[in-house]
Amino acid sequence: MIYLFLMITATCLFLTFKLKKPLLLTVPFLTIFIYVTVQIAMVPLGFFETLKFIMSLR
């Protein structure tokens, strides 16, 4: 999975410099955010209970 994120990041960096569109730099952050959200949603507890559990781990 890390290689997929690295490939997305490298592609976005390349396209940002080639097309001169700095907005493309937000794509890697959005993909990681979506991935984390999907992983949290796959837990059988409710979404907010899962977030409370994750935040209570120390």
Protein backbone atom coordinates (compact mmCIF):
# COMPACT_ATOMS: atom_id res chain seq x y z
CA MET A 1 0.00 0.00 0.00
CA ILE A 2 2.92 2.32 0.70
CA TYR A 3 4.08 1.92 -2.89
CA LEU A 4 0.67 3.06 -4.14
CA PHE A 5 0.88 6.22 -2.02
CA LEU A 6 4.45 6.85 -3.17
CA MET A 7 3.40 6.44 -6.80
CA ILE A 8 0.48 8.84 -6.34
CA THR A 9 2.79 11.36 -4.67
CA ALA A 10 5.46 11.09 -7.36
CA THR A 11 2.87 11.43 -10.12
CA CYS A 12 1.35 14.48 -8.47
CA LEU A 13 4.75 16.10 -8.00
CA PHE A 14 5.64 15.46 -11.64
CA LEU A 15 2.32 16.82 -12.91
CA THR A 16 2.52 19.83 -10.58
CA PHE A 17 5.84 20.93 -12.05
CA LYS A 18 4.87 20.03 -15.60
CA LEU A 19 1.41 21.63 -15.62
CA LYS A 20 2.24 24.35 -13.04
CA LYS A 21 -0.88 23.59 -11.01
CA PRO A 22 -0.03 23.57 -7.29
CA LEU A 23 -3.53 22.34 -6.41
CA LEU A 24 -2.41 18.86 -7.49
CA LEU A 25 -0.26 18.70 -4.34
CA THR A 26 -3.41 18.19 -2.28
CA VAL A 27 -4.18 14.85 -3.98
CA PRO A 28 -1.75 12.73 -1.88
CA PHE A 29 -3.18 14.18 1.34
CA LEU A 30 -6.72 13.51 0.19
CA THR A 31 -5.93 9.90 -0.73
CA ILE A 32 -4.37 9.23 2.68
CA PHE A 33 -7.33 10.89 4.43
CA ILE A 34 -9.80 8.78 2.42
CA TYR A 35 -7.79 5.61 3.12
CA VAL A 36 -7.78 6.26 6.88
CA THR A 37 -11.50 7.05 6.85
CA VAL A 38 -12.29 3.80 5.01
CA GLN A 39 -10.12 1.80 7.43
CA ILE A 40 -11.95 3.33 10.41
CA ALA A 41 -15.32 2.63 8.77
CA MET A 42 -14.40 -1.05 8.37
CA VAL A 43 -14.26 -1.53 12.16
CA PRO A 44 -17.48 -3.23 13.33
CA LEU A 45 -18.16 -0.58 16.00
CA GLY A 46 -19.90 2.70 15.24
CA PHE A 47 -17.82 5.42 13.66
CA PHE A 48 -17.72 7.74 16.68
CA GLU A 49 -17.12 4.87 19.12
CA THR A 50 -14.17 3.82 16.98
CA LEU A 51 -12.78 7.36 17.00
CA LYS A 52 -13.16 7.52 20.80
CA PHE A 53 -11.33 4.21 21.12
CA ILE A 54 -8.50 5.33 18.85
CA MET A 55 -8.10 8.62 20.71
CA SER A 56 -8.13 6.88 24.11
CA LEU A 57 -5.14 4.66 23.23
CA ARG A 58 -1.99 5.92 24.89
